[in-house]
């Protein structure tokens, strides 16, 4: 991933012109530059994150399939219980 250019020389010059002494300006811009450089994301970082996200999405899909399968089983069980209760009620009514 390309980094956005940061003109450290210009930043130091502007700080000096605004009243900061040269040593402080250089130190401040150096710290900012280090922070900026450490926060940059590379293509490799993005690929790893993308791969991780794809795996997590696949895991969620598998979990959803398991839940759907379980719900189908529960639905069939409840239908069987309902039919059994209906048959028992009809036998009771007509006996």
PDB file of N, CA and C in Angstrom:
ATOM      1  N   UNK A   1       0.850  -1.167   0.000  1.00  0.00           N
ATOM      2  CA  UNK A   1       0.000   0.000   0.000  1.00  0.00           C
ATOM      3  C   UNK A   1       0.894   1.227   0.000  1.00  0.00           C
ATOM      4  N   UNK A   2       0.578   2.188  -0.837  1.00  0.00           N
ATOM      5  CA  UNK A   2       1.400   3.391  -0.907  1.00  0.00           C
ATOM      6  C   UNK A   2       1.037   4.335   0.226  1.00  0.00           C
ATOM      7  N   UNK A   3       2.066   5.007   0.735  1.00  0.00           N
ATOM      8  CA  UNK A   3       1.842   5.952   1.818  1.00  0.00           C
ATOM      9  C   UNK A   3       1.587   7.337   1.243  1.00  0.00           C
ATOM     10  N   UNK A   4       0.789   8.096   1.948  1.00  0.00           N
ATOM     11  CA  UNK A   4       0.560   9.478   1.568  1.00  0.00           C
ATOM     12  C   UNK A   4       1.842  10.245   1.883  1.00  0.00           C
ATOM     13  N   UNK A   5       2.350  11.022   0.932  1.00  0.00           N
ATOM     14  CA  UNK A   5       3.605  11.721   1.180  1.00  0.00           C
ATOM     15  C   UNK A   5       3.487  12.724   2.330  1.00  0.00           C
ATOM     16  N   UNK A   6       4.530  12.768   3.141  1.00  0.00           N
ATOM     17  CA  UNK A   6       4.586  13.689   4.275  1.00  0.00           C
ATOM     18  C   UNK A   6       5.904  14.434   4.180  1.00  0.00           C
ATOM     19  N   UNK A   7       5.836  15.705   3.852  1.00  0.00           N
ATOM     20  CA  UNK A   7       7.031  16.522   3.669  1.00  0.00           C
ATOM     21  C   UNK A   7       7.527  17.001   5.028  1.00  0.00           C
ATOM     22  N   UNK A   8       8.492  16.251   5.574  1.00  0.00           N
ATOM     23  CA  UNK A   8       8.996  16.569   6.915  1.00  0.00           C
ATOM     24  C   UNK A   8       9.756  17.900   6.931  1.00  0.00           C
ATOM     25  N   UNK A   9      10.489  18.167   5.865  1.00  0.00           N
ATOM     26  CA  UNK A   9      11.268  19.419   5.801  1.00  0.00           C
ATOM     27  C   UNK A   9      10.335  20.632   5.862  1.00  0.00           C
ATOM     28  N   UNK A  10       9.259  20.559   5.084  1.00  0.00           N
ATOM     29  CA  UNK A  10       8.297  21.660   5.060  1.00  0.00           C
ATOM     30  C   UNK A  10       7.643  21.824   6.432  1.00  0.00           C
ATOM     31  N   UNK A  11       7.312  20.710   7.071  1.00  0.00           N
ATOM     32  CA  UNK A  11       6.678  20.772   8.387  1.00  0.00           C
ATOM     33  C   UNK A  11       7.611  21.402   9.416  1.00  0.00           C
ATOM     34  N   UNK A  12       8.881  21.011   9.379  1.00  0.00           N
ATOM     35  CA  UNK A  12       9.862  21.586  10.308  1.00  0.00           C
ATOM     36  C   UNK A  12       9.990  23.091  10.061  1.00  0.00           C
ATOM     37  N   UNK A  13      10.075  23.480   8.776  1.00  0.00           N
ATOM     38  CA  UNK A  13      10.187  24.904   8.425  1.00  0.00           C
ATOM     39  C   UNK A  13       9.004  25.698   8.960  1.00  0.00           C
ATOM     40  N   UNK A  14       7.800  25.156   8.796  1.00  0.00           N
ATOM     41  CA  UNK A  14       6.593  25.855   9.243  1.00  0.00           C
ATOM     42  C   UNK A  14       6.569  25.999  10.766  1.00  0.00           C
ATOM     43  N   UNK A  15       7.014  24.953  11.460  1.00  0.00           N
ATOM     44  CA  UNK A  15       7.063  25.048  12.922  1.00  0.00           C
ATOM     45  C   UNK A  15       8.065  26.101  13.373  1.00  0.00           C
ATOM     46  N   UNK A  16       9.208  26.134  12.715  1.00  0.00           N
ATOM     47  CA  UNK A  16      10.235  27.142  13.062  1.00  0.00           C
ATOM     48  C   UNK A  16       9.695  28.543  12.812  1.00  0.00           C
ATOM     49  N   UNK A  17       9.015  28.720  11.686  1.00  0.00           N
ATOM     50  CA  UNK A  17       8.447  30.034  11.357  1.00  0.00           C
ATOM     51  C   UNK A  17       7.363  30.437  12.345  1.00  0.00           C
ATOM     52  N   UNK A  18       6.702  29.450  12.959  1.00  0.00           N
ATOM     53  CA  UNK A  18       5.642  29.797  13.913  1.00  0.00           C
ATOM     54  C   UNK A  18       6.168  30.021  15.324  1.00  0.00           C
ATOM     55  N   UNK A  19       7.499  29.887  15.517  1.00  0.00           N
ATOM     56  CA  UNK A  19       8.074  30.215  16.807  1.00  0.00           C
ATOM     57  C   UNK A  19       8.660  29.050  17.584  1.00  0.00           C
ATOM     58  N   UNK A  20       8.574  27.848  17.087  1.00  0.00           N
ATOM     59  CA  UNK A  20       9.164  26.700  17.764  1.00  0.00           C
ATOM     60  C   UNK A  20      10.646  26.670  17.412  1.00  0.00           C
ATOM     61  N   UNK A  21      11.518  26.351  18.396  1.00  0.00           N
ATOM     62  CA  UNK A  21      12.938  26.319  18.044  1.00  0.00           C
ATOM     63  C   UNK A  21      13.229  25.093  17.180  1.00  0.00           C
ATOM     64  N   UNK A  22      14.352  25.157  16.467  1.00  0.00           N
ATOM     65  CA  UNK A  22      14.670  24.149  15.442  1.00  0.00           C
ATOM     66  C   UNK A  22      14.759  22.734  16.015  1.00  0.00           C
ATOM     67  N   UNK A  23      15.412  22.585  17.142  1.00  0.00           N
ATOM     68  CA  UNK A  23      15.591  21.251  17.747  1.00  0.00           C
ATOM     69  C   UNK A  23      14.235  20.642  18.119  1.00  0.00           C
ATOM     70  N   UNK A  24      13.357  21.447  18.712  1.00  0.00           N
ATOM     71  CA  UNK A  24      12.038  20.958  19.091  1.00  0.00           C
ATOM     72  C   UNK A  24      11.214  20.598  17.855  1.00  0.00           C
ATOM     73  N   UNK A  25      11.299  21.433  16.825  1.00  0.00           N
ATOM     74  CA  UNK A  25      10.549  21.183  15.596  1.00  0.00           C
ATOM     75  C   UNK A  25      10.992  19.873  14.952  1.00  0.00           C
ATOM     76  N   UNK A  26      12.307  19.657  14.883  1.00  0.00           N
ATOM     77  CA  UNK A  26      12.820  18.424  14.282  1.00  0.00           C
ATOM     78  C   UNK A  26      12.398  17.199  15.089  1.00  0.00           C
ATOM     79  N   UNK A  27      12.470  17.312  16.417  1.00  0.00           N
ATOM     80  CA  UNK A  27      12.083  16.195  17.276  1.00  0.00           C
ATOM     81  C   UNK A  27      10.596  15.891  17.121  1.00  0.00           C
ATOM     82  N   UNK A  28       9.780  16.925  17.147  1.00  0.00           N
ATOM     83  CA  UNK A  28       8.334  16.742  17.017  1.00  0.00           C
ATOM     84  C   UNK A  28       7.972  16.085  15.689  1.00  0.00           C
ATOM     85  N   UNK A  29       8.514  16.580  14.602  1.00  0.00           N
ATOM     86  CA  UNK A  29       8.214  16.011  13.284  1.00  0.00           C
ATOM     87  C   UNK A  29       8.781  14.603  13.174  1.00  0.00           C
ATOM     88  N   UNK A  30       9.923  14.334  13.787  1.00  0.00           N
ATOM     89  CA  UNK A  30      10.473  12.974  13.787  1.00  0.00           C
ATOM     90  C   UNK A  30       9.545  11.995  14.477  1.00  0.00           C
ATOM     91  N   UNK A  31       8.996  12.396  15.619  1.00  0.00           N
ATOM     92  CA  UNK A  31       8.053  11.540  16.351  1.00  0.00           C
ATOM     93  C   UNK A  31       6.786  11.317  15.525  1.00  0.00           C
ATOM     94  N   UNK A  32       6.270  12.375  14.954  1.00  0.00           N
ATOM     95  CA  UNK A  32       5.062  12.257  14.116  1.00  0.00           C
ATOM     96  C   UNK A  32       5.334  11.335  12.934  1.00  0.00           C
ATOM     97  N   UNK A  33       6.478  11.468  12.314  1.00  0.00           N
ATOM     98  CA  UNK A  33       6.833  10.631  11.171  1.00  0.00           C
ATOM     99  C   UNK A  33       6.934   9.154  11.576  1.00  0.00           C
ATOM    100  N   UNK A  34       7.532   8.887  12.749  1.00  0.00           N
ATOM    101  CA  UNK A  34       7.632   7.507  13.234  1.00  0.00           C
ATOM    102  C   UNK A  34       6.255   6.905  13.481  1.00  0.00           C
ATOM    103  N   UNK A  35       5.378   7.676  14.112  1.00  0.00           N
ATOM    104  CA  UNK A  35       4.011   7.196  14.363  1.00  0.00           C
ATOM    105  C   UNK A  35       3.309   6.921  13.038  1.00  0.00           C
ATOM    106  N   UNK A  36       3.435   7.842  12.126  1.00  0.00           N
ATOM    107  CA  UNK A  36       2.797   7.712  10.813  1.00  0.00           C
ATOM    108  C   UNK A  36       3.310   6.471  10.086  1.00  0.00           C
ATOM    109  N   UNK A  37       4.625   6.244  10.131  1.00  0.00           N
ATOM    110  CA  UNK A  37       5.219   5.099   9.436  1.00  0.00           C
ATOM    111  C   UNK A  37       4.780   3.786  10.062  1.00  0.00           C
ATOM    112  N   UNK A  38       4.627   3.736  11.367  1.00  0.00           N
ATOM    113  CA  UNK A  38       4.218   2.506  12.046  1.00  0.00           C
ATOM    114  C   UNK A  38       2.754   2.172  11.823  1.00  0.00           C
ATOM    115  N   UNK A  39       1.944   3.158  11.475  1.00  0.00           N
ATOM    116  CA  UNK A  39       0.519   2.926  11.279  1.00  0.00           C
ATOM    117  C   UNK A  39       0.168   2.568   9.834  1.00  0.00           C
ATOM    118  N   UNK A  40       1.137   2.604   8.947  1.00  0.00           N
ATOM    119  CA  UNK A  40       0.860   2.301   7.545  1.00  0.00           C
ATOM    120  C   UNK A  40       0.534   0.824   7.386  1.00  0.00           C
ATOM    121  N   UNK A  41      -0.428   0.536   6.535  1.00  0.00           N
ATOM    122  CA  UNK A  41      -0.856  -0.841   6.285  1.00  0.00           C
ATOM    123  C   UNK A  41      -0.262  -1.295   4.961  1.00  0.00           C
ATOM    124  N   UNK A  42       0.291  -2.483   4.960  1.00  0.00           N
ATOM    125  CA  UNK A  42       0.878  -3.009   3.730  1.00  0.00           C
ATOM    126  C   UNK A  42      -0.112  -3.929   3.031  1.00  0.00           C
ATOM    127  N   UNK A  43       0.190  -4.256   1.793  1.00  0.00           N
ATOM    128  CA  UNK A  43      -0.645  -5.197   1.055  1.00  0.00           C
ATOM    129  C   UNK A  43      -0.662  -6.553   1.744  1.00  0.00           C
ATOM    130  N   UNK A  44       0.458  -6.941   2.313  1.00  0.00           N
ATOM    131  CA  UNK A  44       0.528  -8.219   3.032  1.00  0.00           C
ATOM    132  C   UNK A  44      -0.421  -8.208   4.234  1.00  0.00           C
ATOM    133  N   UNK A  45      -0.473  -7.075   4.954  1.00  0.00           N
ATOM    134  CA  UNK A  45      -1.400  -6.952   6.083  1.00  0.00           C
ATOM    135  C   UNK A  45      -2.841  -7.110   5.615  1.00  0.00           C
ATOM    136  N   UNK A  46      -3.150  -6.456   4.504  1.00  0.00           N
ATOM    137  CA  UNK A  46      -4.509  -6.537   3.969  1.00  0.00           C
ATOM    138  C   UNK A  46      -4.852  -7.948   3.519  1.00  0.00           C
ATOM    139  N   UNK A  47      -3.899  -8.651   2.919  1.00  0.00           N
ATOM    140  CA  UNK A  47      -4.148 -10.019   2.480  1.00  0.00           C
ATOM    141  C   UNK A  47      -4.424 -10.933   3.662  1.00  0.00           C
ATOM    142  N   UNK A  48      -3.661 -10.775   4.730  1.00  0.00           N
ATOM    143  CA  UNK A  48      -3.868 -11.595   5.932  1.00  0.00           C
ATOM    144  C   UNK A  48      -5.245 -11.308   6.521  1.00  0.00           C
ATOM    145  N   UNK A  49      -5.582 -10.036   6.634  1.00  0.00           N
ATOM    146  CA  UNK A  49      -6.885  -9.664   7.172  1.00  0.00           C
ATOM    147  C   UNK A  49      -8.009 -10.194   6.290  1.00  0.00           C
ATOM    148  N   UNK A  50      -7.849 -10.078   4.984  1.00  0.00           N
ATOM    149  CA  UNK A  50      -8.850 -10.566   4.044  1.00  0.00           C
ATOM    150  C   UNK A  50      -9.030 -12.074   4.190  1.00  0.00           C
ATOM    151  N   UNK A  51      -7.927 -12.778   4.290  1.00  0.00           N
ATOM    152  CA  UNK A  51      -7.975 -14.227   4.459  1.00  0.00           C
ATOM    153  C   UNK A  51      -8.665 -14.608   5.772  1.00  0.00           C
ATOM    154  N   UNK A  52      -8.323 -13.897   6.843  1.00  0.00           N
ATOM    155  CA  UNK A  52      -8.954 -14.156   8.143  1.00  0.00           C
ATOM    156  C   UNK A  52     -10.453 -13.910   8.088  1.00  0.00           C
ATOM    157  N   UNK A  53     -10.845 -12.812   7.450  1.00  0.00           N
ATOM    158  CA  UNK A  53     -12.272 -12.497   7.341  1.00  0.00           C
ATOM    159  C   UNK A  53     -13.019 -13.533   6.514  1.00  0.00           C
ATOM    160  N   UNK A  54     -12.403 -13.989   5.427  1.00  0.00           N
ATOM    161  CA  UNK A  54     -13.047 -15.029   4.617  1.00  0.00           C
ATOM    162  C   UNK A  54     -13.272 -16.292   5.440  1.00  0.00           C
ATOM    163  N   UNK A  55     -12.287 -16.661   6.257  1.00  0.00           N
ATOM    164  CA  UNK A  55     -12.418 -17.854   7.095  1.00  0.00           C
ATOM    165  C   UNK A  55     -13.516 -17.664   8.143  1.00  0.00           C
ATOM    166  N   UNK A  56     -13.570 -16.491   8.736  1.00  0.00           N
ATOM    167  CA  UNK A  56     -14.600 -16.229   9.739  1.00  0.00           C
ATOM    168  C   UNK A  56     -15.993 -16.248   9.113  1.00  0.00           C
ATOM    169  N   UNK A  57     -16.124 -15.700   7.924  1.00  0.00           N
ATOM    170  CA  UNK A  57     -17.412 -15.727   7.225  1.00  0.00           C
ATOM    171  C   UNK A  57     -17.811 -17.168   6.929  1.00  0.00           C
ATOM    172  N   UNK A  58     -16.866 -17.985   6.505  1.00  0.00           N
ATOM    173  CA  UNK A  58     -17.157 -19.391   6.234  1.00  0.00           C
ATOM    174  C   UNK A  58     -17.582 -20.110   7.514  1.00  0.00           C
ATOM    175  N   UNK A  59     -16.931 -19.796   8.630  1.00  0.00           N
ATOM    176  CA  UNK A  59     -17.308 -20.393   9.911  1.00  0.00           C
ATOM    177  C   UNK A  59     -18.739 -20.013  10.293  1.00  0.00           C
ATOM    178  N   UNK A  60     -19.100 -18.753  10.084  1.00  0.00           N
ATOM    179  CA  UNK A  60     -20.464 -18.302  10.386  1.00  0.00           C
ATOM    180  C   UNK A  60     -21.464 -19.020   9.486  1.00  0.00           C
ATOM    181  N   UNK A  61     -21.139 -19.161   8.212  1.00  0.00           N
ATOM    182  CA  UNK A  61     -22.036 -19.886   7.304  1.00  0.00           C
ATOM    183  C   UNK A  61     -22.241 -21.320   7.765  1.00  0.00           C
ATOM    184  N   UNK A  62     -21.168 -21.956   8.197  1.00  0.00           N
ATOM    185  CA  UNK A  62     -21.288 -23.334   8.691  1.00  0.00           C
ATOM    186  C   UNK A  62     -22.156 -23.390   9.946  1.00  0.00           C
ATOM    187  N   UNK A  63     -21.996 -22.413  10.827  1.00  0.00           N
ATOM    188  CA  UNK A  63     -22.826 -22.364  12.027  1.00  0.00           C
ATOM    189  C   UNK A  63     -24.297 -22.172  11.674  1.00  0.00           C
ATOM    190  N   UNK A  64     -24.578 -21.313  10.715  1.00  0.00           N
ATOM    191  CA  UNK A  64     -25.957 -21.079  10.290  1.00  0.00           C
ATOM    192  C   UNK A  64     -26.544 -22.358   9.695  1.00  0.00           C
ATOM    193  N   UNK A  65     -25.770 -23.081   8.894  1.00  0.00           N
ATOM    194  CA  UNK A  65     -26.252 -24.341   8.322  1.00  0.00           C
ATOM    195  C   UNK A  65     -26.585 -25.337   9.421  1.00  0.00           C
ATOM    196  N   UNK A  66     -25.763 -25.381  10.464  1.00  0.00           N
ATOM    197  CA  UNK A  66     -26.020 -26.286  11.584  1.00  0.00           C
ATOM    198  C   UNK A  66     -27.315 -25.906  12.301  1.00  0.00           C
ATOM    199  N   UNK A  67     -27.527 -24.623  12.523  1.00  0.00           N
ATOM    200  CA  UNK A  67     -28.745 -24.163  13.189  1.00  0.00           C
ATOM    201  C   UNK A  67     -29.966 -24.503  12.341  1.00  0.00           C
ATOM    202  N   UNK A  68     -29.875 -24.279  11.038  1.00  0.00           N
ATOM    203  CA  UNK A  68     -30.999 -24.593  10.147  1.00  0.00           C
ATOM    204  C   UNK A  68     -31.302 -26.089  10.192  1.00  0.00           C
ATOM    205  N   UNK A  69     -30.255 -26.917  10.172  1.00  0.00           N
ATOM    206  CA  UNK A  69     -30.446 -28.368  10.260  1.00  0.00           C
ATOM    207  C   UNK A  69     -31.136 -28.747  11.573  1.00  0.00           C
ATOM    208  N   UNK A  70     -30.694 -28.137  12.664  1.00  0.00           N
ATOM    209  CA  UNK A  70     -31.310 -28.408  13.967  1.00  0.00           C
ATOM    210  C   UNK A  70     -32.769 -27.974  13.985  1.00  0.00           C
ATOM    211  N   UNK A  71     -33.068 -26.829  13.396  1.00  0.00           N
ATOM    212  CA  UNK A  71     -34.451 -26.354  13.359  1.00  0.00           C
ATOM    213  C   UNK A  71     -35.339 -27.273  12.529  1.00  0.00           C
ATOM    214  N   UNK A  72     -34.812 -27.807  11.445  1.00  0.00           N
ATOM    215  CA  UNK A  72     -35.580 -28.758  10.637  1.00  0.00           C
ATOM    216  C   UNK A  72     -35.914 -30.002  11.456  1.00  0.00           C
ATOM    217  N   UNK A  73     -34.944 -30.485  12.224  1.00  0.00           N
ATOM    218  CA  UNK A  73     -35.156 -31.653  13.054  1.00  0.00           C
ATOM    219  C   UNK A  73     -36.216 -31.363  14.123  1.00  0.00           C
ATOM    220  N   UNK A  74     -36.141 -30.199  14.755  1.00  0.00           N
ATOM    221  CA  UNK A  74     -37.125 -29.810  15.780  1.00  0.00           C
ATOM    222  C   UNK A  74     -38.510 -29.679  15.162  1.00  0.00           C
ATOM    223  N   UNK A  75     -38.574 -29.118  13.957  1.00  0.00           N
ATOM    224  CA  UNK A  75     -39.859 -28.969  13.272  1.00  0.00           C
ATOM    225  C   UNK A  75     -40.493 -30.332  13.018  1.00  0.00           C
ATOM    226  N   UNK A  76     -39.712 -31.289  12.564  1.00  0.00           N
ATOM    227  CA  UNK A  76     -40.230 -32.638  12.319  1.00  0.00           C
ATOM    228  C   UNK A  76     -40.672 -33.302  13.617  1.00  0.00           C
ATOM    229  N   UNK A  77     -39.910 -33.099  14.686  1.00  0.00           N
ATOM    230  CA  UNK A  77     -40.273 -33.665  15.986  1.00  0.00           C
ATOM    231  C   UNK A  77     -41.596 -33.096  16.474  1.00  0.00           C
ATOM    232  N   UNK A  78     -41.751 -31.782  16.372  1.00  0.00           N
ATOM    233  CA  UNK A  78     -42.997 -31.148  16.807  1.00  0.00           C
ATOM    234  C   UNK A  78     -44.183 -31.593  15.950  1.00  0.00           C
ATOM    235  N   UNK A  79     -43.959 -31.775  14.670  1.00  0.00           N
ATOM    236  CA  UNK A  79     -45.028 -32.280  13.801  1.00  0.00           C
ATOM    237  C   UNK A  79     -45.435 -33.683  14.231  1.00  0.00           C
ATOM    238  N   UNK A  80     -44.453 -34.523  14.532  1.00  0.00           N
ATOM    239  CA  UNK A  80     -44.752 -35.883  14.998  1.00  0.00           C
ATOM    240  C   UNK A  80     -45.518 -35.880  16.305  1.00  0.00           C
ATOM    241  N   UNK A  81     -45.114 -35.021  17.237  1.00  0.00           N
ATOM    242  CA  UNK A  81     -45.823 -34.925  18.513  1.00  0.00           C
ATOM    243  C   UNK A  81     -47.246 -34.429  18.294  1.00  0.00           C
ATOM    244  N   UNK A  82     -47.406 -33.451  17.411  1.00  0.00           N
ATOM    245  CA  UNK A  82     -48.738 -32.919  17.107  1.00  0.00           C
ATOM    246  C   UNK A  82     -49.649 -33.978  16.516  1.00  0.00           C
ATOM    247  N   UNK A  83     -49.131 -34.760  15.602  1.00  0.00           N
ATOM    248  CA  UNK A  83     -49.935 -35.827  14.987  1.00  0.00           C
ATOM    249  C   UNK A  83     -50.301 -36.868  16.039  1.00  0.00           C
ATOM    250  N   UNK A  84     -49.358 -37.206  16.913  1.00  0.00           N
ATOM    251  CA  UNK A  84     -49.620 -38.181  17.971  1.00  0.00           C
ATOM    252  C   UNK A  84     -50.708 -37.680  18.918  1.00  0.00           C
ATOM    253  N   UNK A  85     -50.638 -36.418  19.306  1.00  0.00           N
ATOM    254  CA  UNK A  85     -51.657 -35.836  20.185  1.00  0.00           C
ATOM    255  C   UNK A  85     -53.003 -35.812  19.484  1.00  0.00           C
ATOM    256  N   UNK A  86     -53.036 -35.485  18.196  1.00  0.00           N
ATOM    257  CA  UNK A  86     -54.284 -35.460  17.437  1.00  0.00           C
ATOM    258  C   UNK A  86     -54.912 -36.851  17.373  1.00  0.00           C
ATOM    259  N   UNK A  87     -54.106 -37.874  17.107  1.00  0.00           N
ATOM    260  CA  UNK A  87     -54.606 -39.252  17.035  1.00  0.00           C
ATOM    261  C   UNK A  87     -55.149 -39.667  18.412  1.00  0.00           C
ATOM    262  N   UNK A  88     -54.409 -39.338  19.469  1.00  0.00           N
ATOM    263  CA  UNK A  88     -54.857 -39.688  20.812  1.00  0.00           C
ATOM    264  C   UNK A  88     -56.162 -38.978  21.152  1.00  0.00           C
ATOM    265  N   UNK A  89     -56.270 -37.712  20.777  1.00  0.00           N
ATOM    266  CA  UNK A  89     -57.508 -36.960  21.043  1.00  0.00           C
ATOM    267  C   UNK A  89     -58.672 -37.549  20.275  1.00  0.00           C
ATOM    268  N   UNK A  90     -58.450 -37.912  19.019  1.00  0.00           N
ATOM    269  CA  UNK A  90     -59.530 -38.517  18.213  1.00  0.00           C
ATOM    270  C   UNK A  90     -59.959 -39.863  18.793  1.00  0.00           C
ATOM    271  N   UNK A  91     -58.999 -40.687  19.224  1.00  0.00           N
ATOM    272  CA  UNK A  91     -59.331 -41.974  19.850  1.00  0.00           C
ATOM    273  C   UNK A  91     -60.144 -41.740  21.121  1.00  0.00           C
ATOM    274  N   UNK A  92     -59.759 -40.741  21.906  1.00  0.00           N
ATOM    275  CA  UNK A  92     -60.459 -40.450  23.150  1.00  0.00           C
ATOM    276  C   UNK A  92     -61.880 -39.974  22.868  1.00  0.00           C
ATOM    277  N   UNK A  93     -62.026 -39.104  21.868  1.00  0.00           N
ATOM    278  CA  UNK A  93     -63.346 -38.557  21.544  1.00  0.00           C
ATOM    279  C   UNK A  93     -64.265 -39.658  21.019  1.00  0.00           C
ATOM    280  N   UNK A  94     -63.772 -40.516  20.166  1.00  0.00           N
ATOM    281  CA  UNK A  94     -64.618 -41.515  19.509  1.00  0.00           C
ATOM    282  C   UNK A  94     -64.625 -42.869  20.210  1.00  0.00           C
ATOM    283  N   UNK A  95     -64.099 -42.970  21.373  1.00  0.00           N
ATOM    284  CA  UNK A  95     -64.150 -44.258  22.060  1.00  0.00           C
ATOM    285  C   UNK A  95     -65.169 -44.276  23.174  1.00  0.00           C
TER     286      UNK A  95
END
